[in-house]
Amino acid sequence: MCLVVQEDVRTLIRYARKYPEYAEALLGIVEQELNNGASPYAPKADETAVGPITYPIEVFHYSYGKRQHSGMLFRDRTITVNGIRHDHVSPAAMSITGNNVNGWTWWWYEDPVSGVNRRIKYLQDRGLI
């Protein structure tokens, strides 16, 4: 089953549990998703396509439309920031912020094909890192 469809199905099941009065309708959509394998709610293909990934990837913190910090992310999930290699993306982000930070959502990369800026969690969710 496609990753986007799996994600959609999980979301619909969560909503069915949270809103039992809509469970039957939501579970009907889940059944349709599982039968068709296509989601009417999925983003357009050009928004979900991931260009060819070659490591290391330049990553950056993207805030207020600007790249504020950068580093290099390696296939083994290590990341180099300011010349220091970190074992994981979260400690690398925390070395900059001084606070607890989820590195998967804090760091961004630019898709090499579409030019879209995405959180690196996008790569993690698709098993690319």
Protein backbone atom coordinates (compact mmCIF):
# COMPACT_ATOMS: atom_id res chain seq x y z
CA MET A 1 0.00 0.00 0.00
CA CYS A 2 1.29 3.47 -0.88
CA LEU A 3 2.74 5.47 2.04
CA VAL A 4 0.37 8.38 1.39
CA VAL A 5 -2.61 6.01 1.51
CA GLN A 6 -1.37 4.40 4.73
CA GLU A 7 -1.03 7.82 6.30
CA ASP A 8 -4.54 8.79 5.15
CA VAL A 9 -6.03 5.54 6.49
CA ARG A 10 -4.37 6.01 9.88
CA THR A 11 -5.71 9.56 10.08
CA LEU A 12 -9.23 8.49 9.16
CA ILE A 13 -9.20 5.70 11.76
CA ARG A 14 -8.00 8.17 14.43
CA TYR A 15 -10.88 10.50 13.56
CA ALA A 16 -13.36 7.61 13.63
CA ARG A 17 -12.23 6.79 17.18
CA LYS A 18 -12.33 10.42 18.25
CA TYR A 19 -15.72 11.16 16.68
CA PRO A 20 -17.82 7.99 17.01
CA GLU A 21 -20.87 9.70 15.51
CA TYR A 22 -18.97 9.91 12.19
CA ALA A 23 -17.27 6.52 12.49
CA GLU A 24 -19.42 4.75 9.92
CA ALA A 25 -18.83 7.39 7.24
CA LEU A 26 -15.11 7.63 8.00
CA LEU A 27 -14.64 3.87 8.01
CA GLY A 28 -16.43 3.76 4.65
CA ILE A 29 -13.76 6.10 3.31
CA VAL A 30 -11.07 3.86 4.84
CA GLU A 31 -12.56 0.86 3.06
CA GLN A 32 -12.58 2.78 -0.21
CA GLU A 33 -8.94 3.77 0.35
CA LEU A 34 -7.91 0.18 0.96
CA ASN A 35 -9.79 -1.04 -2.11
CA ASN A 36 -8.68 1.65 -4.53
CA GLY A 37 -5.23 2.49 -3.20
CA ALA A 38 -5.80 6.08 -4.26
CA SER A 39 -6.65 8.94 -1.97
CA PRO A 40 -8.85 11.88 -2.87
CA TYR A 41 -7.20 13.73 0.02
CA ALA A 42 -3.58 13.08 -0.95
CA PRO A 43 -1.50 16.02 -2.12
CA LYS A 44 -0.89 16.30 -5.85
CA ALA A 45 1.88 14.06 -7.19
CA ASP A 46 4.22 16.97 -7.86
CA GLU A 47 3.96 18.00 -4.19
CA THR A 48 4.78 14.53 -2.87
CA ALA A 49 7.42 13.46 -5.37
CA VAL A 50 10.86 13.20 -3.86
CA GLY A 51 13.73 13.97 -6.16
CA PRO A 52 16.84 11.79 -6.24
CA ILE A 53 18.47 11.96 -2.83
CA THR A 54 22.25 11.92 -2.65
CA TYR A 55 23.97 12.15 0.69
CA PRO A 56 25.11 14.22 2.41
CA ILE A 57 22.16 16.59 2.13
CA GLU A 58 22.48 20.26 2.92
CA VAL A 59 19.96 21.00 5.66
CA PHE A 60 18.97 24.30 7.17
CA HIS A 61 16.68 25.87 9.72
CA TYR A 62 14.00 27.73 7.80
CA SER A 63 12.21 30.49 9.65
CA TYR A 64 10.42 33.62 8.51
CA GLY A 65 11.30 32.86 4.89
CA LYS A 66 15.03 32.78 5.57
CA ARG A 67 17.66 30.10 6.01
CA GLN A 68 19.12 30.84 9.41
CA HIS A 69 21.42 27.88 10.20
CA SER A 70 22.82 25.11 8.04
CA GLY A 71 24.49 21.74 8.26
CA MET A 72 25.08 18.50 6.38
CA LEU A 73 22.88 15.45 7.00
CA PHE A 74 24.33 12.00 6.30
CA ARG A 75 22.55 8.75 5.44
CA ASP A 76 23.33 7.31 8.90
CA ARG A 77 21.33 10.19 10.46
CA THR A 78 24.41 11.96 11.74
CA ILE A 79 24.62 15.66 11.07
CA THR A 80 27.48 18.13 10.99
CA VAL A 81 26.74 21.66 12.18
CA ASN A 82 29.37 24.35 12.73
CA GLY A 83 32.12 21.75 12.22
CA ILE A 84 30.77 19.44 14.95
CA ARG A 85 29.36 16.03 14.06
CA HIS A 86 26.25 15.05 16.05
CA ASP A 87 24.88 11.51 16.35
CA HIS A 88 21.32 12.62 15.67
CA VAL A 89 19.39 15.56 14.22
CA SER A 90 17.80 16.63 17.52
CA PRO A 91 21.05 17.23 19.46
CA ALA A 92 22.33 19.20 16.46
CA ALA A 93 19.28 21.48 16.61
CA MET A 94 19.55 21.72 20.40
CA SER A 95 23.20 22.79 20.08
CA ILE A 96 21.90 25.88 18.30
CA THR A 97 18.73 26.61 20.27
CA GLY A 98 19.86 25.60 23.75
CA ASN A 99 16.39 24.04 24.20
CA ASN A 100 14.79 20.65 23.59
CA VAL A 101 13.92 20.52 19.91
CA ASN A 102 12.60 17.82 17.61
CA GLY A 103 15.31 17.83 14.96
CA TRP A 104 13.11 16.04 12.42
CA THR A 105 10.77 19.02 12.31
CA TRP A 106 13.36 21.73 13.01
CA TRP A 107 15.69 20.99 10.06
CA TRP A 108 14.64 21.48 6.44
CA TYR A 109 16.09 20.57 3.05
CA GLU A 110 15.41 21.68 -0.50
CA ASP A 111 14.12 18.99 -2.85
CA PRO A 112 16.62 18.84 -5.72
CA VAL A 113 13.98 18.35 -8.43
CA SER A 114 11.01 20.49 -7.37
CA GLY A 115 12.93 23.10 -5.36
CA VAL A 116 10.34 22.75 -2.57
CA ASN A 117 11.60 23.31 0.97
CA ARG A 118 10.54 20.40 3.20
CA ARG A 119 11.19 19.28 6.74
CA ILE A 120 13.58 16.34 6.92
CA LYS A 121 10.79 14.42 8.64
CA TYR A 122 9.38 14.07 5.12
CA LEU A 123 12.41 11.92 4.23
CA GLN A 124 12.19 9.97 7.48
CA ASP A 125 8.48 9.23 6.96
CA ARG A 126 9.25 7.78 3.54
CA GLY A 127 12.10 5.60 4.79
CA LEU A 128 14.74 7.52 2.86
CA ILE A 129 16.79 8.23 5.92
